[in-house]
Amino acid sequence: MTNNQRTEAVYIHIPFCTNKCFYCDFNSYVLKDQPVMDYLRALDHEMELTVKAHPPGAIKSIFVGGGTPTVLKPDEMEYFLHSVKRHFPVWSDDIEFSMEANPGTTDLEKLKVMREGGVNRISFGVQAFQNSLLSGIGRIHDTDDVYRSLDNARAAGFDNMSIDLMFGLPNQTLEMLAESVDKALELRLPHYSIYSLKVEENTLFHTMYQKNQLPLPDEEDELNMYLLLMERMKAAGYKQYEISNFAKPGYESRHNMTYWRNEDYYGLGAGAHGYINRQRHVNIKGVNPYNEAARTGLPRLESFEVSREEAMEDFLMVGLRVLDGISRTRFEQQFDASLDEVFKRPLSKMVSAGLLETTEDGYRLSSKGILFGNEVFAEFIGTLSAN
């Protein structure tokens, strides 16, 4: 993105949760006794300083993640959404304003406040349709909460909804995943995200894994789970537009597409990352330190320039996650350079290995490459910036 183009995408982090899930390494804190209004006021001030430094264009996507943003009480939610509208007043006609939600934290009153405040898409963290699996990963909702939350959301006027599912969970079988996919598809939602479990450091699951106490499916089972869900989603008329995401035409997550196209976005809130004019920043993570810092200035933990070489590598690594692939034209527009010349060696290596295939305007993962995406992405790390 050139310097005269204004940023059109916003990510906002609400770091509070009802409890910490066993697999979660996100910047999140259990809600009890947290200074929520102080945080929302600090966030308001960060928005004010941010738009002063980098005035926004017409906003095309806003994504509120966490934590669990829907743990905010209706009056807190209202204050927060007023803040967003005040600092980012110009929205494109077809804005996608998404908020993550946990089933069980969305009553009708709160959902109405969200809808009135401009939220028009909700992503529910469902993860599985077996209560035994849910309690085994530290979720506090059950399947009844899922149906109740979706009914409430529809009653509040939401029709653009997504749910997250997970596979590769402890004690999960292929049959359990098939049942979860069945139940998810019965809901006829326009979008589904289906992720494999990653055992991250600083989580309860990592501790259990180290002690050999985490009964995970083996690699073959996990691969079969992924093949099953790809097949089932396709048969149900959903396009797999990214490694873990499936949508009806026109319902692809616009905010995620901003990341995957390596475009600019504001990153606001504790621990949030932002990217503007090839400048990347990470915010202070702790709630009180963030509140303190945001009272007087931008609450940065670090801020650094992304070199042209690193930006080119990022373009490939994140762009190849999208199954339509990367575009020579877009690469040339961003970098004024030829994709084929800059990445000649790794591109030809991956094509020869059958992991990438050429398209009319670039490259995309082959059906084999989709299964070994991380190996493909690794080929481009440090290709240029290490020189």
Protein backbone atom coordinates (compact mmCIF):
# COMPACT_ATOMS: atom_id res chain seq x y z
CA MET A 1 0.00 0.00 0.00
CA THR A 2 1.40 3.40 -0.93
CA ASN A 3 1.60 6.20 1.62
CA ASN A 4 -1.22 8.21 0.07
CA GLN A 5 -3.70 5.36 0.42
CA ARG A 6 -5.69 5.42 3.64
CA THR A 7 -6.21 2.41 5.88
CA GLU A 8 -9.64 0.77 5.58
CA ALA A 9 -9.49 -2.15 8.03
CA VAL A 10 -9.59 -2.17 11.83
CA TYR A 11 -8.76 -4.89 14.36
CA ILE A 12 -9.75 -4.24 18.01
CA HIS A 13 -8.80 -6.52 20.89
CA ILE A 14 -11.01 -7.05 23.95
CA PRO A 15 -8.82 -9.17 26.26
CA PHE A 16 -11.44 -10.38 28.77
CA CYS A 17 -12.79 -13.94 29.08
CA THR A 18 -15.09 -15.80 31.44
CA ASN A 19 -12.31 -18.37 31.84
CA LYS A 20 -9.11 -19.44 30.10
CA CYS A 21 -9.48 -22.38 27.69
CA PHE A 22 -6.86 -25.09 28.03
CA TYR A 23 -5.43 -24.54 24.52
CA CYS A 24 -5.51 -20.73 24.45
CA ASP A 25 -2.33 -18.65 24.23
CA PHE A 26 -4.08 -15.43 23.15
CA ASN A 27 -3.64 -12.26 25.17
CA SER A 28 -6.65 -12.79 27.43
CA TYR A 29 -7.49 -12.45 31.11
CA VAL A 30 -10.30 -13.82 33.25
CA LEU A 31 -12.92 -11.08 33.61
CA LYS A 32 -13.45 -11.18 37.38
CA ASP A 33 -12.21 -7.95 39.05
CA GLN A 34 -10.81 -6.50 35.80
CA PRO A 35 -11.05 -2.70 35.27
CA VAL A 36 -13.27 -3.04 32.20
CA MET A 37 -14.45 0.59 31.89
CA ASP A 38 -10.91 1.89 32.44
CA TYR A 39 -9.82 -0.39 29.60
CA LEU A 40 -12.58 0.85 27.27
CA ARG A 41 -11.64 4.47 28.05
CA ALA A 42 -7.97 3.69 27.35
CA LEU A 43 -8.99 2.04 24.09
CA ASP A 44 -11.03 5.13 23.19
CA HIS A 45 -7.93 7.26 23.72
CA GLU A 46 -5.76 4.93 21.63
CA MET A 47 -8.31 5.21 18.79
CA GLU A 48 -8.20 9.02 19.07
CA LEU A 49 -4.38 9.15 18.89
CA THR A 50 -4.24 6.55 16.12
CA VAL A 51 -6.61 8.32 13.72
CA LYS A 52 -4.82 11.61 14.42
CA ALA A 53 -1.53 10.02 13.34
CA HIS A 54 -3.04 8.03 10.43
CA PRO A 55 -6.45 9.36 9.29
CA PRO A 56 -8.65 6.49 8.06
CA GLY A 57 -10.30 6.00 4.69
CA ALA A 58 -13.83 4.64 4.32
CA ILE A 59 -13.69 1.61 6.61
CA LYS A 60 -14.52 -1.65 4.82
CA SER A 61 -13.95 -4.08 7.72
CA ILE A 62 -13.87 -3.99 11.50
CA PHE A 63 -13.06 -7.12 13.47
CA VAL A 64 -13.39 -7.28 17.26
CA GLY A 65 -11.53 -10.26 18.71
CA GLY A 66 -10.29 -11.41 22.08
CA GLY A 67 -10.64 -12.80 24.63
CA THR A 68 -14.38 -12.85 24.33
CA PRO A 69 -15.70 -9.40 23.36
CA THR A 70 -19.25 -10.47 24.23
CA VAL A 71 -18.42 -10.67 27.96
CA LEU A 72 -18.92 -6.88 27.96
CA LYS A 73 -22.19 -5.89 29.65
CA PRO A 74 -24.76 -4.13 27.42
CA ASP A 75 -23.84 -0.63 28.72
CA GLU A 76 -20.11 -1.36 28.27
CA MET A 77 -20.79 -2.70 24.79
CA GLU A 78 -22.74 0.45 23.93
CA TYR A 79 -19.90 2.69 25.15
CA PHE A 80 -17.37 0.68 23.14
CA LEU A 81 -19.38 0.74 19.90
CA HIS A 82 -19.95 4.51 20.25
CA SER A 83 -16.16 4.91 20.53
CA VAL A 84 -15.61 2.95 17.34
CA LYS A 85 -18.20 4.95 15.39
CA ARG A 86 -16.87 8.27 16.71
CA HIS A 87 -13.27 7.67 15.70
CA PHE A 88 -13.99 5.76 12.48
CA PRO A 89 -17.06 7.65 11.25
CA VAL A 90 -16.94 6.86 7.53
CA TRP A 91 -17.93 3.29 6.66
CA SER A 92 -18.19 1.78 3.20
CA ASP A 93 -21.76 0.85 2.22
CA ASP A 94 -20.99 -2.85 2.45
CA ILE A 95 -18.84 -2.77 5.60
CA GLU A 96 -18.26 -6.10 7.35
CA PHE A 97 -18.29 -5.45 11.12
CA SER A 98 -17.49 -8.76 12.85
CA MET A 99 -17.37 -9.63 16.51
CA GLU A 100 -16.20 -12.88 18.09
CA ALA A 101 -18.61 -14.38 20.60
CA ASN A 102 -18.78 -17.35 22.91
CA PRO A 103 -22.07 -19.24 23.06
CA GLY A 104 -23.59 -18.48 26.43
CA THR A 105 -22.32 -14.87 26.59
CA THR A 106 -24.88 -13.43 24.16
CA ASP A 107 -28.32 -12.67 25.51
CA LEU A 108 -30.88 -10.86 23.36
CA GLU A 109 -30.39 -7.45 25.02
CA LYS A 110 -26.64 -7.46 24.36
CA LEU A 111 -27.08 -8.69 20.79
CA LYS A 112 -29.54 -5.85 20.09
CA VAL A 113 -26.98 -3.33 21.39
CA MET A 114 -24.38 -4.90 19.09
CA ARG A 115 -26.70 -4.76 16.08
CA GLU A 116 -27.69 -1.15 16.78
CA GLY A 117 -24.00 -0.25 17.18
CA GLY A 118 -23.23 -1.46 13.66
CA VAL A 119 -22.04 -5.05 14.19
CA ASN A 120 -23.39 -7.09 11.27
CA ARG A 121 -21.46 -10.36 11.52
CA ILE A 122 -20.85 -12.69 14.49
CA SER A 123 -18.32 -15.47 14.74
CA PHE A 124 -19.23 -17.99 17.45
CA GLY A 125 -16.49 -20.14 19.02
CA VAL A 126 -18.36 -23.47 19.08
CA GLN A 127 -15.35 -25.85 18.62
CA ALA A 128 -17.30 -29.14 18.91
CA PHE A 129 -20.83 -30.52 19.31
CA GLN A 130 -19.96 -33.04 22.02
CA ASN A 131 -20.23 -31.74 25.59
CA SER A 132 -17.56 -34.19 26.78
CA LEU A 133 -15.04 -32.71 24.30
CA LEU A 134 -16.02 -29.16 25.23
CA SER A 135 -15.39 -29.67 28.94
CA GLY A 136 -12.14 -31.48 28.05
CA ILE A 137 -10.78 -28.36 26.35
CA GLY A 138 -11.97 -25.95 29.05
CA ARG A 139 -15.00 -24.46 27.29
CA ILE A 140 -17.79 -23.40 29.62
CA HIS A 141 -20.64 -23.60 27.08
CA ASP A 142 -22.56 -26.70 26.03
CA THR A 143 -24.35 -27.50 22.77
CA ASP A 144 -27.68 -26.12 24.08
CA ASP A 145 -25.95 -22.73 24.49
CA VAL A 146 -24.93 -22.86 20.82
CA TYR A 147 -28.50 -23.21 19.57
CA ARG A 148 -29.81 -20.62 22.04
CA SER A 149 -27.11 -18.11 21.02
CA LEU A 150 -27.84 -18.54 17.32
CA ASP A 151 -31.60 -18.14 17.92
CA ASN A 152 -30.97 -14.96 19.93
CA ALA A 153 -28.68 -13.59 17.22
CA ARG A 154 -31.31 -14.20 14.53
CA ALA A 155 -33.96 -12.55 16.73
CA ALA A 156 -31.67 -9.49 17.07
CA GLY A 157 -31.43 -9.20 13.28
CA PHE A 158 -28.19 -11.05 12.46
CA ASP A 159 -28.09 -13.23 9.37
CA ASN A 160 -24.33 -13.19 8.64
CA MET A 161 -22.89 -15.66 11.15
CA SER A 162 -19.96 -18.02 11.29
CA ILE A 163 -18.93 -20.75 13.69
CA ASP A 164 -15.48 -22.07 14.55
CA LEU A 165 -14.90 -25.81 14.91
CA MET A 166 -11.69 -27.57 15.91
CA PHE A 167 -10.22 -30.94 15.01
CA GLY A 168 -7.30 -32.91 16.41
CA LEU A 169 -8.66 -32.42 19.94
CA PRO A 170 -7.80 -34.76 22.84
CA ASN A 171 -10.00 -37.89 22.70
CA GLN A 172 -11.69 -36.71 19.48
CA THR A 173 -12.45 -39.42 16.91
CA LEU A 174 -13.16 -39.14 13.20
CA GLU A 175 -16.79 -40.06 13.95
CA MET A 176 -17.06 -37.21 16.48
CA LEU A 177 -15.74 -34.72 13.94
CA ALA A 178 -18.16 -36.04 11.30
CA GLU A 179 -21.03 -35.53 13.78
CA SER A 180 -19.87 -31.97 14.56
CA VAL A 181 -19.65 -31.14 10.85
CA ASP A 182 -23.16 -32.61 10.32
CA LYS A 183 -24.61 -30.50 13.12
CA ALA A 184 -22.77 -27.40 11.94
CA LEU A 185 -24.06 -27.82 8.38
CA GLU A 186 -27.63 -28.30 9.63
CA LEU A 187 -27.44 -24.67 10.82
CA ARG A 188 -27.04 -23.51 7.18
CA LEU A 189 -24.71 -20.64 8.07
CA PRO A 190 -22.86 -18.71 5.35
CA HIS A 191 -19.38 -19.29 6.81
CA TYR A 192 -17.41 -21.88 8.81
CA SER A 193 -13.85 -21.81 10.16
CA ILE A 194 -12.40 -25.22 11.04
CA TYR A 195 -8.98 -25.24 12.69
CA SER A 196 -6.64 -27.97 13.83
CA LEU A 197 -5.51 -27.83 17.45
CA LYS A 198 -2.03 -26.39 17.93
CA VAL A 199 -0.42 -27.12 21.29
CA GLU A 200 1.05 -23.70 22.17
CA GLU A 201 3.52 -22.89 24.92
CA ASN A 202 2.17 -21.27 28.10
CA THR A 203 -1.07 -23.25 27.98
CA LEU A 204 -2.40 -26.02 30.19
CA PHE A 205 -2.34 -28.36 27.17
CA HIS A 206 1.38 -27.71 26.67
CA THR A 207 2.07 -28.70 30.28
CA MET A 208 -0.01 -31.85 29.85
CA TYR A 209 1.71 -32.62 26.52
CA GLN A 210 5.13 -32.34 28.18
CA LYS A 211 3.98 -34.85 30.81
CA ASN A 212 2.58 -37.18 28.14
CA GLN A 213 -0.94 -36.66 29.51
CA LEU A 214 -2.62 -35.29 26.37
CA PRO A 215 -4.40 -38.05 24.39
CA LEU A 216 -4.22 -36.46 20.91
CA PRO A 217 -5.27 -38.22 17.68
CA ASP A 218 -2.28 -39.53 15.72
CA GLU A 219 -1.07 -37.82 12.53
CA GLU A 220 -2.94 -40.16 10.22
CA ASP A 221 -6.23 -39.63 12.07
CA GLU A 222 -5.70 -35.88 12.00
CA LEU A 223 -5.04 -35.95 8.26
CA ASN A 224 -8.20 -38.03 7.74
CA MET A 225 -10.15 -35.49 9.80
CA TYR A 226 -8.97 -32.68 7.53
CA LEU A 227 -9.76 -34.66 4.37
CA LEU A 228 -13.22 -35.48 5.74
CA LEU A 229 -14.11 -31.91 6.55
CA MET A 230 -12.83 -30.59 3.18
CA GLU A 231 -14.92 -33.20 1.37
CA ARG A 232 -18.05 -32.58 3.46
CA MET A 233 -17.90 -28.78 3.15
CA LYS A 234 -17.42 -28.99 -0.61
CA ALA A 235 -20.33 -31.41 -1.00
CA ALA A 236 -22.52 -28.97 0.97
CA GLY A 237 -21.73 -26.14 -1.47
CA TYR A 238 -19.11 -24.23 0.53
CA LYS A 239 -15.98 -22.95 -1.16
CA GLN A 240 -12.74 -23.59 0.72
CA TYR A 241 -11.27 -20.13 0.15
CA GLU A 242 -8.45 -20.49 2.69
CA ILE A 243 -6.74 -23.42 4.40
CA SER A 244 -9.15 -23.36 7.39
CA ASN A 245 -12.10 -21.35 6.06
CA PHE A 246 -15.21 -22.22 4.06
CA ALA A 247 -17.90 -19.87 2.78
CA LYS A 248 -20.90 -19.47 0.53
CA PRO A 249 -20.05 -17.14 -2.38
CA GLY A 250 -19.69 -13.54 -1.20
CA TYR A 251 -19.39 -14.45 2.50
CA GLU A 252 -15.60 -14.83 2.71
CA SER A 253 -14.30 -13.03 5.84
CA ARG A 254 -13.25 -9.64 4.56
CA HIS A 255 -11.09 -8.87 7.55
CA ASN A 256 -9.07 -12.05 7.20
CA MET A 257 -8.63 -11.33 3.49
CA THR A 258 -6.96 -8.05 4.53
CA TYR A 259 -4.32 -10.04 6.46
CA TRP A 260 -3.86 -12.62 3.74
CA ARG A 261 -3.39 -9.97 1.07
CA ASN A 262 -0.82 -8.27 3.28
CA GLU A 263 -2.84 -5.03 3.29
CA ASP A 264 -2.75 -2.33 5.97
CA TYR A 265 -4.93 -2.47 9.09
CA TYR A 266 -5.19 -0.63 12.40
CA GLY A 267 -4.46 -2.81 15.47
CA LEU A 268 -6.00 -1.44 18.67
CA GLY A 269 -6.15 -2.73 22.24
CA ALA A 270 -3.92 -4.69 24.62
CA GLY A 271 -1.50 -6.96 22.75
CA ALA A 272 -2.96 -6.04 19.33
CA HIS A 273 -0.76 -6.02 16.22
CA GLY A 274 -1.19 -3.38 13.51
CA TYR A 275 0.40 -2.77 10.11
CA ILE A 276 0.39 0.63 8.38
CA ASN A 277 2.75 1.91 5.67
CA ARG A 278 5.10 -1.02 6.21
CA GLN A 279 5.34 -0.16 9.88
CA ARG A 280 4.32 -3.01 12.20
CA HIS A 281 3.53 -2.53 15.86
CA VAL A 282 2.65 -4.66 18.88
CA ASN A 283 0.81 -3.12 21.83
CA ILE A 284 1.55 -3.58 25.53
CA LYS A 285 -0.18 -6.80 26.64
CA GLY A 286 -1.22 -6.49 30.31
CA VAL A 287 -4.53 -4.72 30.99
CA ASN A 288 -3.30 -2.29 33.67
CA PRO A 289 0.02 -1.48 31.93
CA TYR A 290 -1.94 -0.91 28.69
CA ASN A 291 -4.46 1.37 30.46
CA GLU A 292 -1.61 3.33 32.04
CA ALA A 293 0.30 3.77 28.78
CA ALA A 294 -2.77 4.68 26.70
CA ARG A 295 -3.62 7.57 29.03
CA THR A 296 -0.58 9.50 27.86
CA GLY A 297 0.33 8.17 24.41
CA LEU A 298 0.22 5.24 22.02
CA PRO A 299 0.54 2.06 24.16
CA ARG A 300 3.30 0.44 22.13
CA LEU A 301 5.35 -2.55 23.25
CA GLU A 302 7.38 -2.33 20.05
CA SER A 303 7.18 -0.77 16.65
CA PHE A 304 9.42 -1.54 13.70
CA GLU A 305 9.70 -1.04 10.00
CA VAL A 306 9.14 -4.08 7.80
CA SER A 307 11.82 -4.16 5.11
CA ARG A 308 10.78 -4.47 1.46
CA GLU A 309 12.29 -7.99 1.38
CA GLU A 310 10.38 -9.10 4.47
CA ALA A 311 7.15 -7.58 3.12
CA MET A 312 7.65 -9.58 -0.09
CA GLU A 313 8.12 -12.82 1.89
CA ASP A 314 5.02 -12.03 3.96
CA PHE A 315 3.06 -11.46 0.75
CA LEU A 316 3.81 -15.05 -0.31
CA MET A 317 3.47 -16.74 3.05
CA VAL A 318 0.11 -15.25 3.95
CA GLY A 319 -1.14 -14.99 0.36
CA LEU A 320 -0.67 -18.68 -0.36
CA ARG A 321 -3.02 -19.54 2.52
CA VAL A 322 -5.82 -18.32 0.25
CA LEU A 323 -6.71 -21.08 -2.16
CA ASP A 324 -7.09 -18.76 -5.15
CA GLY A 325 -3.41 -18.10 -4.57
CA ILE A 326 -1.15 -15.11 -5.14
CA SER A 327 -1.31 -12.70 -8.04
CA ARG A 328 1.63 -11.47 -10.10
CA THR A 329 -0.27 -8.26 -10.81
CA ARG A 330 -0.93 -7.52 -7.13
CA PHE A 331 2.72 -8.31 -6.29
CA GLU A 332 3.92 -5.92 -8.97
CA GLN A 333 1.53 -3.20 -7.79
CA GLN A 334 2.80 -3.49 -4.21
CA PHE A 335 6.52 -3.90 -4.91
CA ASP A 336 7.16 -2.75 -8.48
CA ALA A 337 9.00 -6.03 -9.09
CA SER A 338 8.41 -9.35 -10.85
CA LEU A 339 7.14 -12.18 -8.64
CA ASP A 340 8.74 -14.82 -10.89
CA GLU A 341 12.14 -13.16 -10.83
CA VAL A 342 12.24 -12.37 -7.11
CA PHE A 343 11.17 -15.87 -5.99
CA LYS A 344 12.35 -17.91 -8.94
CA ARG A 345 14.15 -20.64 -6.95
CA PRO A 346 11.55 -21.46 -4.22
CA LEU A 347 8.63 -21.15 -6.66
CA SER A 348 10.12 -23.57 -9.18
CA LYS A 349 11.13 -25.94 -6.34
CA MET A 350 7.56 -26.01 -4.96
CA VAL A 351 6.00 -26.41 -8.43
CA SER A 352 8.38 -29.30 -9.18
CA ALA A 353 7.46 -30.91 -5.86
CA GLY A 354 3.80 -30.73 -6.85
CA LEU A 355 2.93 -28.51 -3.88
CA LEU A 356 2.25 -25.36 -5.92
CA GLU A 357 0.58 -25.00 -9.29
CA THR A 358 0.53 -22.07 -11.69
CA THR A 359 -2.61 -20.02 -12.34
CA GLU A 360 -3.38 -17.47 -15.02
CA ASP A 361 -1.92 -14.68 -12.88
CA GLY A 362 0.31 -16.42 -10.34
CA TYR A 363 0.50 -19.48 -8.09
CA ARG A 364 -1.68 -21.42 -5.68
CA LEU A 365 -1.40 -24.46 -3.44
CA SER A 366 -2.10 -27.74 -5.22
CA SER A 367 -4.49 -30.21 -3.56
CA LYS A 368 -1.37 -31.90 -2.12
CA GLY A 369 0.04 -28.50 -1.11
CA ILE A 370 -3.08 -27.72 0.94
CA LEU A 371 -2.21 -30.70 3.17
CA PHE A 372 1.42 -29.58 3.59
CA GLY A 373 0.92 -25.83 3.64
CA ASN A 374 3.42 -25.16 6.41
CA GLU A 375 6.21 -26.81 4.42
CA VAL A 376 5.39 -24.55 1.47
CA PHE A 377 5.28 -21.36 3.57
CA ALA A 378 8.59 -22.26 5.23
CA GLU A 379 10.28 -22.18 1.81
CA PHE A 380 9.81 -18.43 1.63
CA ILE A 381 10.94 -17.50 5.14
CA GLY A 382 14.27 -15.70 5.01
CA THR A 383 14.66 -16.26 1.26
CA LEU A 384 15.35 -12.56 0.74
CA SER A 385 15.70 -11.01 4.20
CA ALA A 386 18.47 -13.44 5.20
CA ASN A 387 20.69 -12.17 2.37
